[in-house]
Amino acid sequence: MDVVVGADGVPRCSWGASTPDYAAYHDTEWGFPVRDDRRLFEKVCLEGFQSGLSWLTILRKREAFRAAFAGFDHEVVAEFDEQDVQRLLGDAGIVRHRGKIEAAVNNAARARELVAEHGSIAAYVWSWEPSDGGGRSFEVRATSPESTAMSKDLKKRGWRFVGPTTAYAFHQAMGLVNDHAPGCAAREEVDLARRAFVRPS
């Protein structure tokens, strides 16, 4: 992954320098560790909606998704019914794909089961952090042993749109690994944030 120095003089991963929307997301969100259940559930859902699309498309629709899905409160979304699905299919602000909408509702119910078993979504998610603490040497990859294993486990639990590549993109974004390229200004910031991060138990 190349590093590009922007007009502001900040070196970023090349994808993060491609648009202002990406730059803001890259600099302040991507790779920084997250333990908030709503944000984790949101990201799982949005990664599912991204399937076949660009993340930029989803990022630009994120506020509309939040409004449509009750701020990604999984307890609320788990109670969505066919009337809600029809409402969402008519919402031009989001990706209107029945399978993905139904998967988000299904996954909310599965998230409720996960919380009952593990105490929080965060406790479950962070149990899949690499054993080296994400401190591996940088390399470009689409999956990892941990994302593949988490994907398999989630599918066994009835989750949808959670393949190994989707799971790895989730790991990258939520800070389970630091995949900012060497030389990117955010790489050191993410390393510092990960060192200070208190893992959920």
C-alpha atoms as a PDB file:
ATOM      1  CA  MET A   1       0.000   0.000   0.000  1.00  0.00           C
ATOM      2  CA  ASP A   2       1.435   3.354  -1.040  1.00  0.00           C
ATOM      3  CA  VAL A   3       1.550   6.466   1.134  1.00  0.00           C
ATOM      4  CA  VAL A   4       0.528   9.788  -0.385  1.00  0.00           C
ATOM      5  CA  VAL A   5       1.313  13.207   1.044  1.00  0.00           C
ATOM      6  CA  GLY A   6      -1.795  15.377   0.825  1.00  0.00           C
ATOM      7  CA  ALA A   7      -2.060  19.094   0.135  1.00  0.00           C
ATOM      8  CA  ASP A   8      -2.094  19.553   3.926  1.00  0.00           C
ATOM      9  CA  GLY A   9       1.315  17.898   4.164  1.00  0.00           C
ATOM     10  CA  VAL A  10       0.001  14.819   5.978  1.00  0.00           C
ATOM     11  CA  PRO A  11       1.191  11.425   4.707  1.00  0.00           C
ATOM     12  CA  ARG A  12      -1.709   8.998   4.421  1.00  0.00           C
ATOM     13  CA  CYS A  13      -2.457   5.562   3.025  1.00  0.00           C
ATOM     14  CA  SER A  14      -3.208   6.172  -0.653  1.00  0.00           C
ATOM     15  CA  TRP A  15      -6.899   5.271  -0.290  1.00  0.00           C
ATOM     16  CA  GLY A  16      -7.223   7.733   2.583  1.00  0.00           C
ATOM     17  CA  ALA A  17      -5.902  10.563   0.456  1.00  0.00           C
ATOM     18  CA  SER A  18      -8.273   9.938  -2.458  1.00  0.00           C
ATOM     19  CA  THR A  19     -11.254  12.039  -1.284  1.00  0.00           C
ATOM     20  CA  PRO A  20     -11.993  14.437   1.617  1.00  0.00           C
ATOM     21  CA  ASP A  21     -14.561  11.941   2.962  1.00  0.00           C
ATOM     22  CA  TYR A  22     -11.969   9.197   3.034  1.00  0.00           C
ATOM     23  CA  ALA A  23      -9.314  11.489   4.546  1.00  0.00           C
ATOM     24  CA  ALA A  24     -11.514  12.316   7.542  1.00  0.00           C
ATOM     25  CA  TYR A  25     -12.485   8.671   8.037  1.00  0.00           C
ATOM     26  CA  HIS A  26      -8.882   7.504   7.617  1.00  0.00           C
ATOM     27  CA  ASP A  27      -7.437  10.073  10.031  1.00  0.00           C
ATOM     28  CA  THR A  28      -9.934   9.751  12.878  1.00  0.00           C
ATOM     29  CA  GLU A  29     -11.675   6.365  12.674  1.00  0.00           C
ATOM     30  CA  TRP A  30     -10.117   3.601  10.593  1.00  0.00           C
ATOM     31  CA  GLY A  31      -7.918   1.364  12.726  1.00  0.00           C
ATOM     32  CA  PHE A  32      -8.574   3.090  16.038  1.00  0.00           C
ATOM     33  CA  PRO A  33      -9.764   0.480  18.582  1.00  0.00           C
ATOM     34  CA  VAL A  34     -13.497   0.401  19.336  1.00  0.00           C
ATOM     35  CA  ARG A  35     -15.344  -1.242  22.213  1.00  0.00           C
ATOM     36  CA  ASP A  36     -18.726   0.464  21.875  1.00  0.00           C
ATOM     37  CA  ASP A  37     -21.357  -2.147  20.989  1.00  0.00           C
ATOM     38  CA  ARG A  38     -23.405   0.203  18.813  1.00  0.00           C
ATOM     39  CA  ARG A  39     -20.406   1.141  16.704  1.00  0.00           C
ATOM     40  CA  LEU A  40     -19.350  -2.471  16.394  1.00  0.00           C
ATOM     41  CA  PHE A  41     -22.827  -3.595  15.365  1.00  0.00           C
ATOM     42  CA  GLU A  42     -23.098  -0.666  12.965  1.00  0.00           C
ATOM     43  CA  LYS A  43     -19.843  -1.624  11.287  1.00  0.00           C
ATOM     44  CA  VAL A  44     -20.870  -5.271  10.882  1.00  0.00           C
ATOM     45  CA  CYS A  45     -24.104  -4.133   9.233  1.00  0.00           C
ATOM     46  CA  LEU A  46     -22.465  -1.532   6.991  1.00  0.00           C
ATOM     47  CA  GLU A  47     -19.783  -3.966   5.876  1.00  0.00           C
ATOM     48  CA  GLY A  48     -22.635  -6.239   4.801  1.00  0.00           C
ATOM     49  CA  PHE A  49     -24.322  -3.435   2.906  1.00  0.00           C
ATOM     50  CA  GLN A  50     -21.011  -2.601   1.220  1.00  0.00           C
ATOM     51  CA  SER A  51     -20.812  -6.035  -0.398  1.00  0.00           C
ATOM     52  CA  GLY A  52     -20.454  -5.390  -4.135  1.00  0.00           C
ATOM     53  CA  LEU A  53     -20.176  -1.624  -3.607  1.00  0.00           C
ATOM     54  CA  SER A  54     -17.462   0.819  -2.564  1.00  0.00           C
ATOM     55  CA  TRP A  55     -16.997   1.792   1.070  1.00  0.00           C
ATOM     56  CA  LEU A  56     -17.211   5.446  -0.037  1.00  0.00           C
ATOM     57  CA  THR A  57     -20.806   4.872  -1.161  1.00  0.00           C
ATOM     58  CA  ILE A  58     -21.688   3.492   2.267  1.00  0.00           C
ATOM     59  CA  LEU A  59     -19.703   6.139   4.141  1.00  0.00           C
ATOM     60  CA  ARG A  60     -21.614   8.916   2.396  1.00  0.00           C
ATOM     61  CA  LYS A  61     -24.898   7.237   3.324  1.00  0.00           C
ATOM     62  CA  ARG A  62     -23.897   6.432   6.904  1.00  0.00           C
ATOM     63  CA  GLU A  63     -26.022   9.103   8.593  1.00  0.00           C
ATOM     64  CA  ALA A  64     -29.068   7.961   6.611  1.00  0.00           C
ATOM     65  CA  PHE A  65     -28.352   4.375   7.661  1.00  0.00           C
ATOM     66  CA  ARG A  66     -28.118   5.463  11.298  1.00  0.00           C
ATOM     67  CA  ALA A  67     -31.474   7.203  11.075  1.00  0.00           C
ATOM     68  CA  ALA A  68     -33.075   4.245   9.312  1.00  0.00           C
ATOM     69  CA  PHE A  69     -31.704   1.628  11.725  1.00  0.00           C
ATOM     70  CA  ALA A  70     -32.397   3.346  15.071  1.00  0.00           C
ATOM     71  CA  GLY A  71     -28.789   4.354  15.581  1.00  0.00           C
ATOM     72  CA  PHE A  72     -27.846   0.679  15.192  1.00  0.00           C
ATOM     73  CA  ASP A  73     -29.219  -0.215  18.592  1.00  0.00           C
ATOM     74  CA  HIS A  74     -29.301  -3.976  18.068  1.00  0.00           C
ATOM     75  CA  GLU A  75     -32.074  -4.420  20.648  1.00  0.00           C
ATOM     76  CA  VAL A  76     -34.354  -2.134  18.633  1.00  0.00           C
ATOM     77  CA  VAL A  77     -33.362  -3.495  15.218  1.00  0.00           C
ATOM     78  CA  ALA A  78     -33.954  -7.061  16.427  1.00  0.00           C
ATOM     79  CA  GLU A  79     -37.636  -6.160  16.774  1.00  0.00           C
ATOM     80  CA  PHE A  80     -38.003  -4.864  13.197  1.00  0.00           C
ATOM     81  CA  ASP A  81     -40.757  -6.639  11.273  1.00  0.00           C
ATOM     82  CA  GLU A  82     -41.899  -6.843   7.648  1.00  0.00           C
ATOM     83  CA  GLN A  83     -43.411  -3.370   7.901  1.00  0.00           C
ATOM     84  CA  ASP A  84     -39.996  -2.028   8.857  1.00  0.00           C
ATOM     85  CA  VAL A  85     -38.390  -3.936   5.986  1.00  0.00           C
ATOM     86  CA  GLN A  86     -40.849  -2.315   3.578  1.00  0.00           C
ATOM     87  CA  ARG A  87     -40.083   1.097   5.104  1.00  0.00           C
ATOM     88  CA  LEU A  88     -36.377   0.529   4.580  1.00  0.00           C
ATOM     89  CA  LEU A  89     -36.892  -0.674   1.014  1.00  0.00           C
ATOM     90  CA  GLY A  90     -38.549   2.675   0.350  1.00  0.00           C
ATOM     91  CA  ASP A  91     -35.750   4.723   1.932  1.00  0.00           C
ATOM     92  CA  ALA A  92     -33.727   6.322  -0.873  1.00  0.00           C
ATOM     93  CA  GLY A  93     -31.043   7.374   1.586  1.00  0.00           C
ATOM     94  CA  ILE A  94     -29.761   3.835   2.116  1.00  0.00           C
ATOM     95  CA  VAL A  95     -28.917   0.810  -0.039  1.00  0.00           C
ATOM     96  CA  ARG A  96     -32.307  -0.730  -0.793  1.00  0.00           C
ATOM     97  CA  HIS A  97     -31.441  -4.407  -1.008  1.00  0.00           C
ATOM     98  CA  ARG A  98     -33.908  -6.750   0.660  1.00  0.00           C
ATOM     99  CA  GLY A  99     -31.362  -9.452   1.401  1.00  0.00           C
ATOM    100  CA  LYS A 100     -28.991  -7.028   3.100  1.00  0.00           C
ATOM    101  CA  ILE A 101     -31.790  -5.329   5.047  1.00  0.00           C
ATOM    102  CA  GLU A 102     -33.122  -8.670   6.256  1.00  0.00           C
ATOM    103  CA  ALA A 103     -29.575  -9.735   7.143  1.00  0.00           C
ATOM    104  CA  ALA A 104     -29.151  -6.640   9.346  1.00  0.00           C
ATOM    105  CA  VAL A 105     -32.401  -7.432  11.178  1.00  0.00           C
ATOM    106  CA  ASN A 106     -31.396 -11.075  11.561  1.00  0.00           C
ATOM    107  CA  ASN A 107     -27.933 -10.112  12.778  1.00  0.00           C
ATOM    108  CA  ALA A 108     -29.446  -7.820  15.397  1.00  0.00           C
ATOM    109  CA  ALA A 109     -31.290 -10.799  16.877  1.00  0.00           C
ATOM    110  CA  ARG A 110     -28.102 -12.837  16.739  1.00  0.00           C
ATOM    111  CA  ALA A 111     -26.241  -9.964  18.434  1.00  0.00           C
ATOM    112  CA  ARG A 112     -28.731 -10.124  21.284  1.00  0.00           C
ATOM    113  CA  GLU A 113     -27.873 -13.809  21.706  1.00  0.00           C
ATOM    114  CA  LEU A 114     -24.174 -12.969  21.576  1.00  0.00           C
ATOM    115  CA  VAL A 115     -24.542 -10.397  24.358  1.00  0.00           C
ATOM    116  CA  ALA A 116     -26.458 -12.892  26.492  1.00  0.00           C
ATOM    117  CA  GLU A 117     -23.556 -15.324  26.137  1.00  0.00           C
ATOM    118  CA  HIS A 118     -20.521 -13.020  26.220  1.00  0.00           C
ATOM    119  CA  GLY A 119     -21.762  -9.942  28.072  1.00  0.00           C
ATOM    120  CA  SER A 120     -21.214  -7.586  25.153  1.00  0.00           C
ATOM    121  CA  ILE A 121     -20.548  -7.558  21.420  1.00  0.00           C
ATOM    122  CA  ALA A 122     -17.172  -6.032  22.228  1.00  0.00           C
ATOM    123  CA  ALA A 123     -16.121  -8.918  24.470  1.00  0.00           C
ATOM    124  CA  TYR A 124     -16.887 -11.354  21.659  1.00  0.00           C
ATOM    125  CA  VAL A 125     -15.215  -9.289  18.923  1.00  0.00           C
ATOM    126  CA  TRP A 126     -12.011  -8.656  20.858  1.00  0.00           C
ATOM    127  CA  SER A 127     -11.647 -12.340  21.632  1.00  0.00           C
ATOM    128  CA  TRP A 128     -10.616 -12.610  17.958  1.00  0.00           C
ATOM    129  CA  GLU A 129      -7.738 -10.149  18.200  1.00  0.00           C
ATOM    130  CA  PRO A 130      -4.518 -11.739  16.878  1.00  0.00           C
ATOM    131  CA  SER A 131      -2.465 -13.403  19.588  1.00  0.00           C
ATOM    132  CA  ASP A 132       0.436 -11.043  18.845  1.00  0.00           C
ATOM    133  CA  GLY A 133      -1.818  -8.110  19.736  1.00  0.00           C
ATOM    134  CA  GLY A 134      -1.994  -6.954  16.158  1.00  0.00           C
ATOM    135  CA  GLY A 135       1.717  -6.215  16.191  1.00  0.00           C
ATOM    136  CA  ARG A 136       2.543  -8.284  13.117  1.00  0.00           C
ATOM    137  CA  SER A 137       4.663  -6.921  10.302  1.00  0.00           C
ATOM    138  CA  PHE A 138       2.700  -4.909   7.778  1.00  0.00           C
ATOM    139  CA  GLU A 139       1.434  -6.743   4.718  1.00  0.00           C
ATOM    140  CA  VAL A 140      -1.490  -6.227   2.379  1.00  0.00           C
ATOM    141  CA  ARG A 141      -4.031  -9.024   2.791  1.00  0.00           C
ATOM    142  CA  ALA A 142      -7.772  -9.622   2.375  1.00  0.00           C
ATOM    143  CA  THR A 143      -8.256 -12.110   5.214  1.00  0.00           C
ATOM    144  CA  SER A 144      -6.462 -13.410   8.274  1.00  0.00           C
ATOM    145  CA  PRO A 145      -6.676 -16.648  10.247  1.00  0.00           C
ATOM    146  CA  GLU A 146      -8.607 -14.745  12.918  1.00  0.00           C
ATOM    147  CA  SER A 147     -11.086 -13.149  10.508  1.00  0.00           C
ATOM    148  CA  THR A 148     -11.648 -16.514   8.825  1.00  0.00           C
ATOM    149  CA  ALA A 149     -12.274 -18.181  12.184  1.00  0.00           C
ATOM    150  CA  MET A 150     -14.585 -15.387  13.362  1.00  0.00           C
ATOM    151  CA  SER A 151     -16.527 -15.541  10.101  1.00  0.00           C
ATOM    152  CA  LYS A 152     -16.964 -19.297  10.478  1.00  0.00           C
ATOM    153  CA  ASP A 153     -18.144 -18.898  14.062  1.00  0.00           C
ATOM    154  CA  LEU A 154     -20.595 -16.108  13.243  1.00  0.00           C
ATOM    155  CA  LYS A 155     -22.063 -18.107  10.366  1.00  0.00           C
ATOM    156  CA  LYS A 156     -22.493 -21.065  12.708  1.00  0.00           C
ATOM    157  CA  ARG A 157     -24.411 -18.699  14.993  1.00  0.00           C
ATOM    158  CA  GLY A 158     -26.721 -17.703  12.124  1.00  0.00           C
ATOM    159  CA  TRP A 159     -25.202 -14.363  11.114  1.00  0.00           C
ATOM    160  CA  ARG A 160     -25.346 -13.333   7.446  1.00  0.00           C
ATOM    161  CA  PHE A 161     -23.055 -11.298   5.163  1.00  0.00           C
ATOM    162  CA  VAL A 162     -20.072 -12.024   7.411  1.00  0.00           C
ATOM    163  CA  GLY A 163     -17.591 -13.760   5.108  1.00  0.00           C
ATOM    164  CA  PRO A 164     -13.852 -13.855   5.897  1.00  0.00           C
ATOM    165  CA  THR A 165     -13.055 -10.793   3.761  1.00  0.00           C
ATOM    166  CA  THR A 166     -15.888  -8.806   5.338  1.00  0.00           C
ATOM    167  CA  ALA A 167     -14.711  -9.935   8.778  1.00  0.00           C
ATOM    168  CA  TYR A 168     -11.156  -8.811   8.025  1.00  0.00           C
ATOM    169  CA  ALA A 169     -12.302  -5.392   6.803  1.00  0.00           C
ATOM    170  CA  PHE A 170     -14.185  -5.161  10.104  1.00  0.00           C
ATOM    171  CA  HIS A 171     -11.021  -6.090  12.052  1.00  0.00           C
ATOM    172  CA  GLN A 172      -9.052  -3.421  10.192  1.00  0.00           C
ATOM    173  CA  ALA A 173     -11.615  -0.698  10.756  1.00  0.00           C
ATOM    174  CA  MET A 174     -12.316  -1.485  14.415  1.00  0.00           C
ATOM    175  CA  GLY A 175      -8.654  -1.608  15.408  1.00  0.00           C
ATOM    176  CA  LEU A 176      -8.047  -5.298  16.028  1.00  0.00           C
ATOM    177  CA  VAL A 177      -5.080  -4.855  13.685  1.00  0.00           C
ATOM    178  CA  ASN A 178      -3.192  -1.776  12.554  1.00  0.00           C
ATOM    179  CA  ASP A 179      -3.122  -1.869   8.766  1.00  0.00           C
ATOM    180  CA  HIS A 180      -2.126   1.730   8.154  1.00  0.00           C
ATOM    181  CA  ALA A 181       0.863   1.599   5.839  1.00  0.00           C
ATOM    182  CA  PRO A 182       4.370   2.283   7.138  1.00  0.00           C
ATOM    183  CA  GLY A 183       4.980   6.015   6.769  1.00  0.00           C
ATOM    184  CA  CYS A 184       1.317   6.902   7.184  1.00  0.00           C
ATOM    185  CA  ALA A 185       0.857   9.496   9.956  1.00  0.00           C
ATOM    186  CA  ALA A 186      -2.064   7.569  11.407  1.00  0.00           C
ATOM    187  CA  ARG A 187      -0.076   4.358  11.869  1.00  0.00           C
ATOM    188  CA  GLU A 188       1.764   5.609  14.960  1.00  0.00           C
ATOM    189  CA  GLU A 189      -1.398   7.230  16.332  1.00  0.00           C
ATOM    190  CA  VAL A 190      -3.245   3.922  16.018  1.00  0.00           C
ATOM    191  CA  ASP A 191      -0.352   2.072  17.663  1.00  0.00           C
ATOM    192  CA  LEU A 192      -0.525   4.470  20.617  1.00  0.00           C
ATOM    193  CA  ALA A 193      -4.316   4.144  20.831  1.00  0.00           C
ATOM    194  CA  ARG A 194      -4.085   0.344  20.738  1.00  0.00           C
ATOM    195  CA  ARG A 195      -1.480   0.341  23.534  1.00  0.00           C
ATOM    196  CA  ALA A 196      -3.734   2.491  25.714  1.00  0.00           C
ATOM    197  CA  PHE A 197      -6.908   0.585  24.829  1.00  0.00           C
ATOM    198  CA  VAL A 198      -8.502  -1.451  27.605  1.00  0.00           C
ATOM    199  CA  ARG A 199      -9.679  -4.717  26.077  1.00  0.00           C
ATOM    200  CA  PRO A 200     -13.184  -5.783  27.154  1.00  0.00           C
ATOM    201  CA  SER A 201     -13.310  -8.953  29.202  1.00  0.00           C
END
